[in-house]
Structure formats: C-alpha cells, structure tokens
PDB file of N, CA and C in Angstrom:
ATOM      1  N   MET A   1     -42.372 -60.008  84.437  1.00  0.00           N
ATOM      2  CA  MET A   1     -41.383 -59.602  85.279  1.00  0.00           C
ATOM      3  C   MET A   1     -41.318 -60.317  86.890  1.00  0.00           C
ATOM      4  N   ILE A   2     -42.556 -60.451  87.317  1.00  0.00           N
ATOM      5  CA  ILE A   2     -42.646 -60.938  88.611  1.00  0.00           C
ATOM      6  C   ILE A   2     -42.522 -62.516  88.414  1.00  0.00           C
ATOM      7  N   GLY A   3     -42.819 -63.193  87.236  1.00  0.00           N
ATOM      8  CA  GLY A   3     -42.919 -64.429  86.968  1.00  0.00           C
ATOM      9  C   GLY A   3     -41.301 -64.786  86.939  1.00  0.00           C
ATOM     10  N   PHE A   4     -40.625 -63.885  86.343  1.00  0.00           N
ATOM     11  CA  PHE A   4     -39.113 -64.063  86.095  1.00  0.00           C
ATOM     12  C   PHE A   4     -38.371 -64.062  87.456  1.00  0.00           C
ATOM     13  N   ILE A   5     -38.801 -63.062  88.144  1.00  0.00           N
ATOM     14  CA  ILE A   5     -38.264 -63.155  89.670  1.00  0.00           C
ATOM     15  C   ILE A   5     -38.503 -64.389  90.464  1.00  0.00           C
ATOM     16  N   VAL A   6     -39.646 -64.751  90.306  1.00  0.00           N
ATOM     17  CA  VAL A   6     -40.276 -66.084  91.127  1.00  0.00           C
ATOM     18  C   VAL A   6     -39.360 -67.235  90.550  1.00  0.00           C
ATOM     19  N   ALA A   7     -39.360 -67.228  89.260  1.00  0.00           N
ATOM     20  CA  ALA A   7     -38.552 -68.474  88.739  1.00  0.00           C
ATOM     21  C   ALA A   7     -37.086 -68.539  89.089  1.00  0.00           C
ATOM     22  N   GLY A   8     -36.434 -67.282  89.205  1.00  0.00           N
ATOM     23  CA  GLY A   8     -35.205 -67.073  89.626  1.00  0.00           C
ATOM     24  C   GLY A   8     -35.058 -67.530  91.025  1.00  0.00           C
ATOM     25  N   LEU A   9     -35.925 -67.105  91.816  1.00  0.00           N
ATOM     26  CA  LEU A   9     -35.908 -67.706  93.385  1.00  0.00           C
ATOM     27  C   LEU A   9     -35.930 -69.152  93.446  1.00  0.00           C
ATOM     28  N   ILE A  10     -36.761 -69.754  92.638  1.00  0.00           N
ATOM     29  CA  ILE A  10     -36.994 -71.184  92.801  1.00  0.00           C
ATOM     30  C   ILE A  10     -35.900 -71.858  92.261  1.00  0.00           C
ATOM     31  N   ILE A  11     -35.344 -71.333  91.086  1.00  0.00           N
ATOM     32  CA  ILE A  11     -34.203 -71.996  90.603  1.00  0.00           C
ATOM     33  C   ILE A  11     -32.837 -71.873  91.435  1.00  0.00           C
ATOM     34  N   GLY A  12     -32.579 -70.690  92.183  1.00  0.00           N
ATOM     35  CA  GLY A  12     -31.685 -70.466  93.001  1.00  0.00           C
ATOM     36  C   GLY A  12     -31.837 -71.305  94.328  1.00  0.00           C
ATOM     37  N   ALA A  13     -33.058 -71.513  94.737  1.00  0.00           N
ATOM     38  CA  ALA A  13     -33.322 -72.494  95.895  1.00  0.00           C
ATOM     39  C   ALA A  13     -33.002 -73.847  95.688  1.00  0.00           C
ATOM     40  N   LEU A  14     -33.434 -74.335  94.382  1.00  0.00           N
ATOM     41  CA  LEU A  14     -33.027 -75.623  93.896  1.00  0.00           C
ATOM     42  C   LEU A  14     -31.607 -75.890  93.891  1.00  0.00           C
ATOM     43  N   ALA A  15     -30.826 -74.859  93.333  1.00  0.00           N
ATOM     44  CA  ALA A  15     -29.376 -75.087  93.135  1.00  0.00           C
ATOM     45  C   ALA A  15     -28.757 -75.191  94.697  1.00  0.00           C
ATOM     46  N   ARG A  16     -29.315 -74.323  95.436  1.00  0.00           N
ATOM     47  CA  ARG A  16     -28.774 -74.489  96.958  1.00  0.00           C
ATOM     48  C   ARG A  16     -28.955 -75.810  97.412  1.00  0.00           C
ATOM     49  N   LEU A  17     -30.278 -76.344  97.287  1.00  0.00           N
ATOM     50  CA  LEU A  17     -30.762 -77.683  97.732  1.00  0.00           C
ATOM     51  C   LEU A  17     -29.622 -78.912  97.023  1.00  0.00           C
ATOM     52  N   ILE A  18     -29.424 -78.610  95.851  1.00  0.00           N
ATOM     53  CA  ILE A  18     -28.388 -79.627  95.144  1.00  0.00           C
ATOM     54  C   ILE A  18     -27.204 -79.655  95.554  1.00  0.00           C
ATOM     55  N   LYS A  19     -26.570 -78.235  95.645  1.00  0.00           N
ATOM     56  CA  LYS A  19     -25.185 -78.282  96.066  1.00  0.00           C
ATOM     57  C   LYS A  19     -24.856 -78.559  97.519  1.00  0.00           C
ATOM     58  N   PRO A  20     -24.054 -79.713  97.679  1.00  0.00           N
ATOM     59  CA  PRO A  20     -23.648 -80.250  99.031  1.00  0.00           C
ATOM     60  C   PRO A  20     -23.210 -78.976  99.895  1.00  0.00           C
ATOM     61  N   GLY A  21     -23.312 -79.319 101.042  1.00  0.00           N
ATOM     62  CA  GLY A  21     -22.732 -78.418 102.132  1.00  0.00           C
ATOM     63  C   GLY A  21     -23.414 -77.107 102.506  1.00  0.00           C
ATOM     64  N   LYS A  22     -22.980 -76.418 103.500  1.00  0.00           N
ATOM     65  CA  LYS A  22     -23.877 -75.248 103.920  1.00  0.00           C
ATOM     66  C   LYS A  22     -23.219 -74.028 103.134  1.00  0.00           C
ATOM     67  N   GLN A  23     -24.277 -73.074 102.411  1.00  0.00           N
ATOM     68  CA  GLN A  23     -23.766 -72.046 101.758  1.00  0.00           C
ATOM     69  C   GLN A  23     -24.034 -70.948 102.735  1.00  0.00           C
ATOM     70  N   HIS A  24     -23.246 -70.046 102.736  1.00  0.00           N
ATOM     71  CA  HIS A  24     -23.409 -68.597 103.365  1.00  0.00           C
ATOM     72  C   HIS A  24     -23.838 -67.537 102.585  1.00  0.00           C
ATOM     73  N   LEU A  25     -24.968 -67.740 101.790  1.00  0.00           N
ATOM     74  CA  LEU A  25     -25.438 -66.782 101.053  1.00  0.00           C
ATOM     75  C   LEU A  25     -26.790 -66.086 101.456  1.00  0.00           C
ATOM     76  N   SER A  26     -26.955 -65.028 101.248  1.00  0.00           N
ATOM     77  CA  SER A  26     -28.364 -64.412 101.761  1.00  0.00           C
ATOM     78  C   SER A  26     -29.617 -64.765 100.609  1.00  0.00           C
ATOM     79  N   ILE A  27     -30.593 -64.545 101.059  1.00  0.00           N
ATOM     80  CA  ILE A  27     -31.681 -64.766 100.026  1.00  0.00           C
ATOM     81  C   ILE A  27     -31.709 -63.928  98.757  1.00  0.00           C
ATOM     82  N   LEU A  28     -31.137 -62.567  98.973  1.00  0.00           N
ATOM     83  CA  LEU A  28     -31.037 -61.832  97.780  1.00  0.00           C
ATOM     84  C   LEU A  28     -29.903 -62.420  97.028  1.00  0.00           C
ATOM     85  N   ALA A  29     -28.838 -62.893  97.351  1.00  0.00           N
ATOM     86  CA  ALA A  29     -27.842 -63.398  96.528  1.00  0.00           C
ATOM     87  C   ALA A  29     -28.333 -64.726  95.958  1.00  0.00           C
ATOM     88  N   THR A  30     -29.036 -65.498  96.649  1.00  0.00           N
ATOM     89  CA  THR A  30     -29.584 -66.650  96.101  1.00  0.00           C
ATOM     90  C   THR A  30     -30.690 -66.254  94.959  1.00  0.00           C
ATOM     91  N   LEU A  31     -31.359 -65.239  95.023  1.00  0.00           N
ATOM     92  CA  LEU A  31     -32.387 -64.764  94.049  1.00  0.00           C
ATOM     93  C   LEU A  31     -31.479 -64.206  92.859  1.00  0.00           C
ATOM     94  N   LEU A  32     -30.426 -63.631  93.079  1.00  0.00           N
ATOM     95  CA  LEU A  32     -29.598 -62.841  91.862  1.00  0.00           C
ATOM     96  C   LEU A  32     -28.800 -63.976  91.192  1.00  0.00           C
ATOM     97  N   LEU A  33     -28.334 -64.936  91.905  1.00  0.00           N
ATOM     98  CA  LEU A  33     -27.646 -66.107  91.286  1.00  0.00           C
ATOM     99  C   LEU A  33     -28.755 -66.854  90.465  1.00  0.00           C
ATOM    100  N   GLY A  34     -29.908 -67.099  90.997  1.00  0.00           N
ATOM    101  CA  GLY A  34     -30.988 -67.889  90.235  1.00  0.00           C
ATOM    102  C   GLY A  34     -31.336 -67.224  89.142  1.00  0.00           C
ATOM    103  N   LEU A  35     -31.385 -65.853  89.037  1.00  0.00           N
ATOM    104  CA  LEU A  35     -31.857 -65.229  87.888  1.00  0.00           C
ATOM    105  C   LEU A  35     -30.716 -65.122  86.816  1.00  0.00           C
ATOM    106  N   ALA A  36     -29.400 -65.210  87.261  1.00  0.00           N
ATOM    107  CA  ALA A  36     -28.271 -65.135  86.311  1.00  0.00           C
ATOM    108  C   ALA A  36     -28.358 -66.633  85.703  1.00  0.00           C
ATOM    109  N   GLY A  37     -28.764 -67.681  86.397  1.00  0.00           N
ATOM    110  CA  GLY A  37     -28.677 -68.908  86.191  1.00  0.00           C
ATOM    111  C   GLY A  37     -29.823 -69.161  84.939  1.00  0.00           C
ATOM    112  N   SER A  38     -30.954 -68.449  85.435  1.00  0.00           N
ATOM    113  CA  SER A  38     -32.244 -68.697  84.372  1.00  0.00           C
ATOM    114  C   SER A  38     -31.994 -67.857  83.111  1.00  0.00           C
ATOM    115  N   VAL A  39     -31.292 -66.881  83.121  1.00  0.00           N
ATOM    116  CA  VAL A  39     -30.833 -66.140  81.837  1.00  0.00           C
ATOM    117  C   VAL A  39     -29.879 -67.043  81.180  1.00  0.00           C
ATOM    118  N   ILE A  40     -28.808 -67.542  81.682  1.00  0.00           N
ATOM    119  CA  ILE A  40     -27.968 -68.495  81.045  1.00  0.00           C
ATOM    120  C   ILE A  40     -28.665 -69.699  80.451  1.00  0.00           C
ATOM    121  N   GLY A  41     -29.623 -70.290  81.359  1.00  0.00           N
ATOM    122  CA  GLY A  41     -30.335 -71.564  80.780  1.00  0.00           C
ATOM    123  C   GLY A  41     -31.294 -71.171  79.598  1.00  0.00           C
ATOM    124  N   GLY A  42     -31.871 -70.008  79.638  1.00  0.00           N
ATOM    125  CA  GLY A  42     -32.762 -69.460  78.442  1.00  0.00           C
ATOM    126  C   GLY A  42     -31.881 -69.103  77.329  1.00  0.00           C
ATOM    127  N   VAL A  43     -30.781 -68.636  77.421  1.00  0.00           N
ATOM    128  CA  VAL A  43     -29.860 -68.455  76.294  1.00  0.00           C
ATOM    129  C   VAL A  43     -29.352 -69.678  75.777  1.00  0.00           C
ATOM    130  N   ILE A  44     -28.975 -70.727  76.396  1.00  0.00           N
ATOM    131  CA  ILE A  44     -28.595 -71.946  76.095  1.00  0.00           C
ATOM    132  C   ILE A  44     -29.651 -72.489  75.348  1.00  0.00           C
ATOM    133  N   ALA A  45     -30.849 -72.716  75.682  1.00  0.00           N
ATOM    134  CA  ALA A  45     -32.182 -73.334  75.096  1.00  0.00           C
ATOM    135  C   ALA A  45     -32.430 -72.437  73.978  1.00  0.00           C
ATOM    136  N   ASN A  46     -32.263 -71.194  73.819  1.00  0.00           N
ATOM    137  CA  ASN A  46     -32.598 -70.540  72.630  1.00  0.00           C
ATOM    138  C   ASN A  46     -31.681 -70.871  71.569  1.00  0.00           C
ATOM    139  N   LEU A  47     -30.167 -71.006  71.911  1.00  0.00           N
ATOM    140  CA  LEU A  47     -29.088 -71.334  70.993  1.00  0.00           C
ATOM    141  C   LEU A  47     -29.526 -72.761  70.295  1.00  0.00           C
ATOM    142  N   LEU A  48     -30.065 -73.596  71.417  1.00  0.00           N
ATOM    143  CA  LEU A  48     -30.347 -75.032  70.829  1.00  0.00           C
ATOM    144  C   LEU A  48     -31.614 -75.033  70.188  1.00  0.00           C
ATOM    145  N   GLY A  49     -32.609 -73.922  70.153  1.00  0.00           N
ATOM    146  CA  GLY A  49     -33.583 -74.005  69.481  1.00  0.00           C
ATOM    147  C   GLY A  49     -34.860 -74.514  69.973  1.00  0.00           C
ATOM    148  N   THR A  50     -34.843 -74.504  71.387  1.00  0.00           N
ATOM    149  CA  THR A  50     -36.039 -75.169  71.993  1.00  0.00           C
ATOM    150  C   THR A  50     -36.936 -74.342  72.609  1.00  0.00           C
ATOM    151  N   GLY A  51     -36.521 -72.888  72.529  1.00  0.00           N
ATOM    152  CA  GLY A  51     -37.495 -71.897  72.969  1.00  0.00           C
ATOM    153  C   GLY A  51     -36.957 -70.475  72.973  1.00  0.00           C
ATOM    154  N   ASP A  52     -37.666 -69.559  73.463  1.00  0.00           N
ATOM    155  CA  ASP A  52     -37.236 -68.191  73.684  1.00  0.00           C
ATOM    156  C   ASP A  52     -36.442 -68.167  75.001  1.00  0.00           C
ATOM    157  N   ILE A  53     -35.590 -67.008  75.078  1.00  0.00           N
ATOM    158  CA  ILE A  53     -34.749 -66.762  76.305  1.00  0.00           C
ATOM    159  C   ILE A  53     -35.633 -66.746  77.577  1.00  0.00           C
ATOM    160  N   PHE A  54     -36.951 -65.920  77.516  1.00  0.00           N
ATOM    161  CA  PHE A  54     -37.842 -65.898  78.805  1.00  0.00           C
ATOM    162  C   PHE A  54     -38.809 -66.842  78.852  1.00  0.00           C
ATOM    163  N   GLU A  55     -38.883 -67.885  77.806  1.00  0.00           N
ATOM    164  CA  GLU A  55     -39.711 -68.975  77.829  1.00  0.00           C
ATOM    165  C   GLU A  55     -39.409 -70.007  78.619  1.00  0.00           C
ATOM    166  N   LEU A  56     -40.425 -70.507  79.461  1.00  0.00           N
ATOM    167  CA  LEU A  56     -40.089 -71.591  80.482  1.00  0.00           C
ATOM    168  C   LEU A  56     -40.203 -72.998  79.809  1.00  0.00           C
ATOM    169  N   ASN A  57     -39.168 -73.710  79.530  1.00  0.00           N
ATOM    170  CA  ASN A  57     -39.126 -75.181  78.990  1.00  0.00           C
ATOM    171  C   ASN A  57     -38.198 -75.996  79.776  1.00  0.00           C
ATOM    172  N   VAL A  58     -38.536 -77.222  79.556  1.00  0.00           N
ATOM    173  CA  VAL A  58     -37.646 -78.231  80.520  1.00  0.00           C
ATOM    174  C   VAL A  58     -36.082 -77.899  80.137  1.00  0.00           C
ATOM    175  N   LEU A  59     -35.783 -78.007  79.046  1.00  0.00           N
ATOM    176  CA  LEU A  59     -34.151 -78.075  78.758  1.00  0.00           C
ATOM    177  C   LEU A  59     -33.626 -76.730  79.545  1.00  0.00           C
ATOM    178  N   GLY A  60     -34.324 -75.472  79.192  1.00  0.00           N
ATOM    179  CA  GLY A  60     -33.874 -74.264  79.643  1.00  0.00           C
ATOM    180  C   GLY A  60     -33.771 -74.339  81.205  1.00  0.00           C
ATOM    181  N   PHE A  61     -34.769 -74.878  81.842  1.00  0.00           N
ATOM    182  CA  PHE A  61     -34.885 -74.948  83.387  1.00  0.00           C
ATOM    183  C   PHE A  61     -33.825 -75.801  83.907  1.00  0.00           C
ATOM    184  N   VAL A  62     -33.325 -77.060  83.393  1.00  0.00           N
ATOM    185  CA  VAL A  62     -32.505 -77.755  83.616  1.00  0.00           C
ATOM    186  C   VAL A  62     -31.316 -77.313  83.607  1.00  0.00           C
ATOM    187  N   VAL A  63     -31.061 -76.569  82.398  1.00  0.00           N
ATOM    188  CA  VAL A  63     -29.713 -75.731  82.442  1.00  0.00           C
ATOM    189  C   VAL A  63     -29.576 -74.680  83.303  1.00  0.00           C
ATOM    190  N   ALA A  64     -30.653 -74.111  83.528  1.00  0.00           N
ATOM    191  CA  ALA A  64     -30.717 -72.970  84.591  1.00  0.00           C
ATOM    192  C   ALA A  64     -30.224 -73.382  86.057  1.00  0.00           C
ATOM    193  N   VAL A  65     -30.681 -74.498  86.268  1.00  0.00           N
ATOM    194  CA  VAL A  65     -30.340 -74.976  87.568  1.00  0.00           C
ATOM    195  C   VAL A  65     -28.945 -75.431  87.781  1.00  0.00           C
ATOM    196  N   ILE A  66     -28.371 -75.950  86.696  1.00  0.00           N
ATOM    197  CA  ILE A  66     -27.007 -76.411  86.661  1.00  0.00           C
ATOM    198  C   ILE A  66     -26.045 -75.303  86.734  1.00  0.00           C
ATOM    199  N   ALA A  67     -26.415 -74.229  85.995  1.00  0.00           N
ATOM    200  CA  ALA A  67     -25.679 -72.911  85.924  1.00  0.00           C
ATOM    201  C   ALA A  67     -25.715 -72.225  87.094  1.00  0.00           C
ATOM    202  N   SER A  68     -26.863 -72.276  87.866  1.00  0.00           N
ATOM    203  CA  SER A  68     -27.053 -71.687  89.143  1.00  0.00           C
ATOM    204  C   SER A  68     -26.147 -72.331  90.209  1.00  0.00           C
ATOM    205  N   VAL A  69     -26.063 -73.759  90.194  1.00  0.00           N
ATOM    206  CA  VAL A  69     -25.315 -74.391  91.116  1.00  0.00           C
ATOM    207  C   VAL A  69     -23.586 -74.126  90.811  1.00  0.00           C
ATOM    208  N   ALA A  70     -23.334 -73.928  89.538  1.00  0.00           N
ATOM    209  CA  ALA A  70     -22.013 -73.617  89.390  1.00  0.00           C
ATOM    210  C   ALA A  70     -21.756 -72.133  89.919  1.00  0.00           C
ATOM    211  N   LEU A  71     -22.766 -71.203  89.543  1.00  0.00           N
ATOM    212  CA  LEU A  71     -22.576 -69.761  90.155  1.00  0.00           C
ATOM    213  C   LEU A  71     -22.659 -69.760  91.667  1.00  0.00           C
ATOM    214  N   ILE A  72     -23.324 -70.463  92.412  1.00  0.00           N
ATOM    215  CA  ILE A  72     -23.330 -70.630  93.850  1.00  0.00           C
ATOM    216  C   ILE A  72     -21.940 -71.179  94.113  1.00  0.00           C
ATOM    217  N   GLY A  73     -21.444 -72.005  93.646  1.00  0.00           N
ATOM    218  CA  GLY A  73     -19.927 -72.519  93.862  1.00  0.00           C
ATOM    219  C   GLY A  73     -19.082 -71.526  93.869  1.00  0.00           C
ATOM    220  N   VAL A  74     -19.113 -70.753  92.608  1.00  0.00           N
ATOM    221  CA  VAL A  74     -18.066 -69.778  92.566  1.00  0.00           C
ATOM    222  C   VAL A  74     -18.267 -68.644  93.570  1.00  0.00           C
ATOM    223  N   ALA A  75     -19.570 -68.267  93.727  1.00  0.00           N
ATOM    224  CA  ALA A  75     -19.645 -67.048  94.912  1.00  0.00           C
ATOM    225  C   ALA A  75     -19.201 -67.720  96.159  1.00  0.00           C
ATOM    226  N   GLU A  76     -19.430 -68.860  96.483  1.00  0.00           N
ATOM    227  CA  GLU A  76     -19.129 -69.421  97.733  1.00  0.00           C
ATOM    228  C   GLU A  76     -17.560 -69.454  97.816  1.00  0.00           C
ATOM    229  N   SER A  77     -16.934 -69.675  96.793  1.00  0.00           N
ATOM    230  CA  SER A  77     -15.347 -69.846  96.803  1.00  0.00           C
ATOM    231  C   SER A  77     -14.904 -68.182  97.013  1.00  0.00           C
ATOM    232  N   ILE A  78     -15.520 -67.260  96.403  1.00  0.00           N
ATOM    233  CA  ILE A  78     -15.145 -65.903  96.349  1.00  0.00           C
ATOM    234  C   ILE A  78     -15.241 -65.446  97.726  1.00  0.00           C
ATOM    235  N   SER A  79     -16.426 -65.576  98.337  1.00  0.00           N
ATOM    236  CA  SER A  79     -16.961 -65.345  99.818  1.00  0.00           C
ATOM    237  C   SER A  79     -15.929 -65.963 100.584  1.00  0.00           C
ATOM    238  N   GLY A  80     -15.647 -67.261 100.353  1.00  0.00           N
ATOM    239  CA  GLY A  80     -14.776 -67.924 101.241  1.00  0.00           C
ATOM    240  C   GLY A  80     -13.390 -67.599 101.397  1.00  0.00           C
ATOM    241  N   SER A  81     -12.689 -67.320 100.291  1.00  0.00           N
ATOM    242  CA  SER A  81     -11.535 -66.618 100.162  1.00  0.00           C
ATOM    243  C   SER A  81     -11.492 -65.299 100.920  1.00  0.00           C
ATOM    244  N   ARG A  82     -12.430 -64.411 100.856  1.00  0.00           N
ATOM    245  CA  ARG A  82     -12.500 -63.061 101.347  1.00  0.00           C
ATOM    246  C   ARG A  82     -12.698 -63.422 103.029  1.00  0.00           C
ATOM    247  N   HIS A  83     -13.279 -64.303 103.271  1.00  0.00           N
ATOM    248  CA  HIS A  83     -13.389 -64.712 104.741  1.00  0.00           C
ATOM    249  C   HIS A  83     -12.076 -65.188 105.298  1.00  0.00           C
ATOM    250  N   ARG A  84     -11.488 -65.894 104.803  1.00  0.00           N
ATOM    251  CA  ARG A  84     -10.256 -66.475 105.056  1.00  0.00           C
ATOM    252  C   ARG A  84      -9.150 -65.314 105.068  1.00  0.00           C
ATOM    253  N   GLU A  85      -8.951 -64.328 104.233  1.00  0.00           N
ATOM    254  CA  GLU A  85      -8.250 -63.357 104.269  1.00  0.00           C
ATOM    255  C   GLU A  85      -8.577 -62.417 105.585  1.00  0.00           C
ATOM    256  N   HIS A  86      -9.737 -62.163 105.827  1.00  0.00           N
ATOM    257  CA  HIS A  86     -10.085 -61.504 106.995  1.00  0.00           C
ATOM    258  C   HIS A  86      -9.741 -62.035 108.308  1.00  0.00           C
ATOM    259  N   ILE A  87      -9.835 -63.439 108.426  1.00  0.00           N
ATOM    260  CA  ILE A  87      -9.368 -64.083 109.574  1.00  0.00           C
ATOM    261  C   ILE A  87      -7.827 -64.073 109.890  1.00  0.00           C
ATOM    262  N   THR A  88      -6.997 -64.182 108.768  1.00  0.00           N
ATOM    263  CA  THR A  88      -5.698 -64.330 108.921  1.00  0.00           C
ATOM    264  C   THR A  88      -5.167 -62.789 109.189  1.00  0.00           C
ATOM    265  N   ARG A  89      -5.747 -61.920 108.959  1.00  0.00           N
ATOM    266  CA  ARG A  89      -5.211 -60.436 109.147  1.00  0.00           C
ATOM    267  C   ARG A  89      -5.233 -60.209 110.366  1.00  0.00           C
TER     268      ARG A  89
END
C-alpha cells in the first residue's frame, strides 16, 4: 500500500513536470491524480496482458503518466473555471 502511494506521488509529480504551464494544485491533489492515473495505467496494462493492475511495468507506468497528465489538465480546467466564476461575481 505504501509503495502504491509513493508510485502515485512519483507519477503525479512527473505528470506535473510534463504538463506545460503552472498548475495550481496541492500536493494532495497531485497524489490523488497520480494514484488515479496509476490505476488507469494498471488497468490498461492488464487489459493488454502485460501485467497485473498493481504490478509495476513499463507500459503501465507510461500509460499512468499519460493518464495523470490528462487528469491534471481536467482538474486545472475545472478549478480554472471555478476561479473565473468567483472573480466575475
């Protein structure tokens, strides 16, 4: 379980480094998005037959980072739209 959390934090941090621009996300949000990305990567790797969901492999890791980048983009767009609504009110 601790390894899963550490992997999620590493994947989330890598995703934030890859995604251009400044992200306004907390470390907890980064961890949660990294964990979600790692689960998505594990599921896709499992579906492709390269390993178990919680098994660390190259394909799962790459897909997890890509999924985390996408999730960070979605989270940023949601938080950005909320921030703009708050400013205009």
